[in-house]
Amino acid sequence: MPTVAREGEFEFIVHTRELPFEPPHVHVRFGGQEVRIELRGGTFMKKPPAGKKAAILEAYHKHAVQIRETWDRIHKR
């Protein structure tokens, strides 16, 4: 599961093994927590911790193209 990008406290990870029915997404790890962002719409798959949403999305948007290219290359979708 390669780390695609780091931005501040956030680490963006694309897992190499995902279930076929899951949409393209990236795992975002920070401070012992993790959320997932769906790549087609750039939305959270579950509610992020209070006070983190804007910072996570800002960091995500800086690396969104690279993250999606990595997902597509790994999962051939």
N, C-alpha and C. Protein backbone atom coordinates (compact mmCIF):
# COMPACT_ATOMS: atom_id res chain seq x y z
N MET A 1 0.83 -1.18 0.00
CA MET A 1 0.00 0.00 0.00
C MET A 1 0.87 1.24 0.00
N PRO A 2 1.09 1.79 -1.18
CA PRO A 2 2.00 2.92 -1.29
C PRO A 2 1.42 4.23 -0.80
N THR A 3 2.27 4.98 -0.14
CA THR A 3 1.93 6.35 0.21
C THR A 3 2.09 7.17 -1.06
N VAL A 4 1.04 7.84 -1.46
CA VAL A 4 1.05 8.62 -2.69
C VAL A 4 1.54 10.04 -2.42
N ALA A 5 1.12 10.59 -1.27
CA ALA A 5 1.50 11.97 -0.96
C ALA A 5 1.44 12.19 0.54
N ARG A 6 2.18 13.20 0.97
CA ARG A 6 2.13 13.68 2.35
C ARG A 6 1.95 15.19 2.30
N GLU A 7 1.10 15.66 3.15
CA GLU A 7 0.84 17.10 3.24
C GLU A 7 0.58 17.41 4.70
N GLY A 8 1.54 18.07 5.32
CA GLY A 8 1.39 18.34 6.76
C GLY A 8 1.27 17.04 7.52
N GLU A 9 0.25 16.93 8.33
CA GLU A 9 0.03 15.73 9.14
C GLU A 9 -0.65 14.60 8.37
N PHE A 10 -1.05 14.85 7.13
CA PHE A 10 -1.86 13.89 6.38
C PHE A 10 -1.01 13.04 5.43
N GLU A 11 -1.28 11.75 5.47
CA GLU A 11 -0.62 10.79 4.59
C GLU A 11 -1.70 10.15 3.73
N PHE A 12 -1.54 10.21 2.41
CA PHE A 12 -2.52 9.70 1.47
C PHE A 12 -2.02 8.37 0.92
N ILE A 13 -2.82 7.33 1.13
CA ILE A 13 -2.41 5.96 0.82
C ILE A 13 -3.43 5.30 -0.10
N VAL A 14 -2.94 4.64 -1.14
CA VAL A 14 -3.79 3.83 -2.01
C VAL A 14 -3.43 2.37 -1.72
N HIS A 15 -4.40 1.62 -1.24
CA HIS A 15 -4.17 0.20 -0.97
C HIS A 15 -4.11 -0.57 -2.30
N THR A 16 -3.23 -1.54 -2.34
CA THR A 16 -3.09 -2.33 -3.57
C THR A 16 -4.16 -3.41 -3.69
N ARG A 17 -4.76 -3.77 -2.59
CA ARG A 17 -5.83 -4.78 -2.62
C ARG A 17 -7.10 -4.17 -2.05
N GLU A 18 -8.06 -3.97 -2.92
CA GLU A 18 -9.36 -3.44 -2.53
C GLU A 18 -10.43 -4.37 -3.07
N LEU A 19 -11.57 -4.36 -2.45
CA LEU A 19 -12.68 -5.18 -2.93
C LEU A 19 -13.20 -4.60 -4.24
N PRO A 20 -13.60 -5.47 -5.18
CA PRO A 20 -14.00 -5.00 -6.51
C PRO A 20 -15.19 -4.06 -6.51
N PHE A 21 -16.07 -4.15 -5.51
CA PHE A 21 -17.26 -3.30 -5.50
C PHE A 21 -17.01 -1.92 -4.89
N GLU A 22 -15.83 -1.71 -4.30
CA GLU A 22 -15.55 -0.41 -3.70
C GLU A 22 -15.22 0.62 -4.77
N PRO A 23 -15.70 1.85 -4.58
CA PRO A 23 -15.36 2.89 -5.55
C PRO A 23 -13.90 3.31 -5.39
N PRO A 24 -13.34 3.95 -6.39
CA PRO A 24 -11.98 4.47 -6.25
C PRO A 24 -11.91 5.42 -5.04
N HIS A 25 -10.93 5.21 -4.18
CA HIS A 25 -10.81 6.04 -2.98
C HIS A 25 -9.38 6.05 -2.48
N VAL A 26 -9.09 6.99 -1.61
CA VAL A 26 -7.79 7.10 -0.97
C VAL A 26 -7.99 7.09 0.54
N HIS A 27 -7.07 6.45 1.23
CA HIS A 27 -7.06 6.43 2.69
C HIS A 27 -6.20 7.61 3.15
N VAL A 28 -6.71 8.37 4.11
CA VAL A 28 -5.97 9.51 4.65
C VAL A 28 -5.71 9.22 6.12
N ARG A 29 -4.44 9.10 6.48
CA ARG A 29 -4.05 8.81 7.87
C ARG A 29 -3.46 10.06 8.52
N PHE A 30 -3.80 10.24 9.79
CA PHE A 30 -3.31 11.38 10.55
C PHE A 30 -3.59 11.15 12.02
N GLY A 31 -2.62 11.45 12.84
CA GLY A 31 -2.81 11.38 14.29
C GLY A 31 -3.46 10.11 14.80
N GLY A 32 -3.11 8.96 14.23
CA GLY A 32 -3.68 7.69 14.68
C GLY A 32 -5.11 7.45 14.18
N GLN A 33 -5.60 8.30 13.29
CA GLN A 33 -6.95 8.15 12.73
C GLN A 33 -6.85 7.95 11.22
N GLU A 34 -7.95 7.55 10.63
CA GLU A 34 -8.01 7.37 9.19
C GLU A 34 -9.41 7.67 8.68
N VAL A 35 -9.47 8.33 7.52
CA VAL A 35 -10.72 8.53 6.80
C VAL A 35 -10.45 8.14 5.35
N ARG A 36 -11.53 7.99 4.59
CA ARG A 36 -11.38 7.67 3.17
C ARG A 36 -12.11 8.74 2.36
N ILE A 37 -11.50 9.09 1.23
CA ILE A 37 -12.12 10.04 0.31
C ILE A 37 -12.38 9.31 -1.00
N GLU A 38 -13.62 9.42 -1.47
CA GLU A 38 -14.03 8.82 -2.74
C GLU A 38 -13.50 9.72 -3.85
N LEU A 39 -12.81 9.15 -4.83
CA LEU A 39 -12.08 9.94 -5.81
C LEU A 39 -12.94 10.53 -6.92
N ARG A 40 -14.09 9.97 -7.20
CA ARG A 40 -14.92 10.51 -8.27
C ARG A 40 -15.53 11.86 -7.90
N GLY A 41 -15.86 12.03 -6.63
CA GLY A 41 -16.49 13.28 -6.22
C GLY A 41 -15.69 14.07 -5.20
N GLY A 42 -14.60 13.47 -4.69
CA GLY A 42 -13.80 14.14 -3.69
C GLY A 42 -14.53 14.32 -2.37
N THR A 43 -15.42 13.37 -2.06
CA THR A 43 -16.20 13.44 -0.84
C THR A 43 -15.76 12.36 0.14
N PHE A 44 -16.02 12.61 1.41
CA PHE A 44 -15.68 11.63 2.44
C PHE A 44 -16.65 10.46 2.38
N MET A 45 -16.12 9.28 2.61
CA MET A 45 -16.95 8.08 2.62
C MET A 45 -17.62 7.91 3.98
N LYS A 46 -17.04 8.48 5.01
CA LYS A 46 -17.63 8.57 6.35
C LYS A 46 -17.23 9.93 6.90
N LYS A 47 -18.00 10.41 7.84
CA LYS A 47 -17.76 11.74 8.40
C LYS A 47 -16.37 11.84 9.04
N PRO A 48 -15.61 12.88 8.68
CA PRO A 48 -14.28 13.06 9.28
C PRO A 48 -14.40 13.61 10.70
N PRO A 49 -13.32 13.53 11.47
CA PRO A 49 -13.35 14.07 12.83
C PRO A 49 -13.63 15.58 12.82
N ALA A 50 -14.25 16.04 13.86
CA ALA A 50 -14.58 17.46 13.98
C ALA A 50 -13.33 18.32 13.84
N GLY A 51 -13.45 19.38 13.06
CA GLY A 51 -12.36 20.32 12.90
C GLY A 51 -11.29 19.92 11.90
N LYS A 52 -11.44 18.79 11.23
CA LYS A 52 -10.41 18.31 10.29
C LYS A 52 -10.86 18.36 8.83
N LYS A 53 -12.14 18.46 8.59
CA LYS A 53 -12.66 18.34 7.23
C LYS A 53 -11.99 19.30 6.25
N ALA A 54 -11.96 20.57 6.55
CA ALA A 54 -11.40 21.57 5.62
C ALA A 54 -9.92 21.33 5.36
N ALA A 55 -9.17 21.03 6.40
CA ALA A 55 -7.72 20.81 6.24
C ALA A 55 -7.44 19.56 5.42
N ILE A 56 -8.21 18.51 5.63
CA ILE A 56 -8.02 17.28 4.85
C ILE A 56 -8.33 17.54 3.38
N LEU A 57 -9.45 18.20 3.11
CA LEU A 57 -9.82 18.47 1.72
C LEU A 57 -8.83 19.39 1.03
N GLU A 58 -8.32 20.38 1.74
CA GLU A 58 -7.32 21.27 1.16
C GLU A 58 -6.07 20.49 0.77
N ALA A 59 -5.62 19.62 1.67
CA ALA A 59 -4.45 18.79 1.38
C ALA A 59 -4.74 17.83 0.24
N TYR A 60 -5.91 17.23 0.24
CA TYR A 60 -6.31 16.28 -0.81
C TYR A 60 -6.28 16.95 -2.19
N HIS A 61 -6.87 18.13 -2.29
CA HIS A 61 -6.96 18.80 -3.59
C HIS A 61 -5.59 19.15 -4.16
N LYS A 62 -4.60 19.33 -3.33
CA LYS A 62 -3.24 19.60 -3.82
C LYS A 62 -2.65 18.39 -4.54
N HIS A 63 -3.12 17.20 -4.19
CA HIS A 63 -2.54 15.97 -4.72
C HIS A 63 -3.56 15.09 -5.46
N ALA A 64 -4.75 15.61 -5.72
CA ALA A 64 -5.84 14.81 -6.27
C ALA A 64 -5.48 14.13 -7.59
N VAL A 65 -4.82 14.82 -8.47
CA VAL A 65 -4.48 14.23 -9.78
C VAL A 65 -3.51 13.06 -9.59
N GLN A 66 -2.48 13.27 -8.80
CA GLN A 66 -1.50 12.22 -8.55
C GLN A 66 -2.14 11.02 -7.86
N ILE A 67 -3.04 11.26 -6.92
CA ILE A 67 -3.72 10.18 -6.21
C ILE A 67 -4.57 9.37 -7.19
N ARG A 68 -5.33 10.04 -8.04
CA ARG A 68 -6.19 9.33 -8.99
C ARG A 68 -5.36 8.55 -10.01
N GLU A 69 -4.27 9.13 -10.49
CA GLU A 69 -3.40 8.41 -11.42
C GLU A 69 -2.83 7.16 -10.78
N THR A 70 -2.46 7.25 -9.52
CA THR A 70 -1.93 6.08 -8.81
C THR A 70 -3.00 5.02 -8.65
N TRP A 71 -4.21 5.42 -8.26
CA TRP A 71 -5.31 4.46 -8.12
C TRP A 71 -5.55 3.74 -9.45
N ASP A 72 -5.65 4.50 -10.53
CA ASP A 72 -5.92 3.90 -11.83
C ASP A 72 -4.81 2.94 -12.26
N ARG A 73 -3.58 3.31 -12.02
CA ARG A 73 -2.44 2.46 -12.39
C ARG A 73 -2.47 1.15 -11.59
N ILE A 74 -2.72 1.24 -10.30
CA ILE A 74 -2.72 0.04 -9.45
C ILE A 74 -3.90 -0.85 -9.75
N HIS A 75 -5.09 -0.26 -9.88
CA HIS A 75 -6.32 -1.04 -10.01
C HIS A 75 -6.80 -1.19 -11.45
N LYS A 76 -6.09 -0.58 -12.38
CA LYS A 76 -6.38 -0.70 -13.80
C LYS A 76 -7.86 -0.44 -14.11
N ARG A 77 -8.35 0.66 -13.54
CA ARG A 77 -9.75 1.05 -13.80
C ARG A 77 -9.80 2.35 -14.54
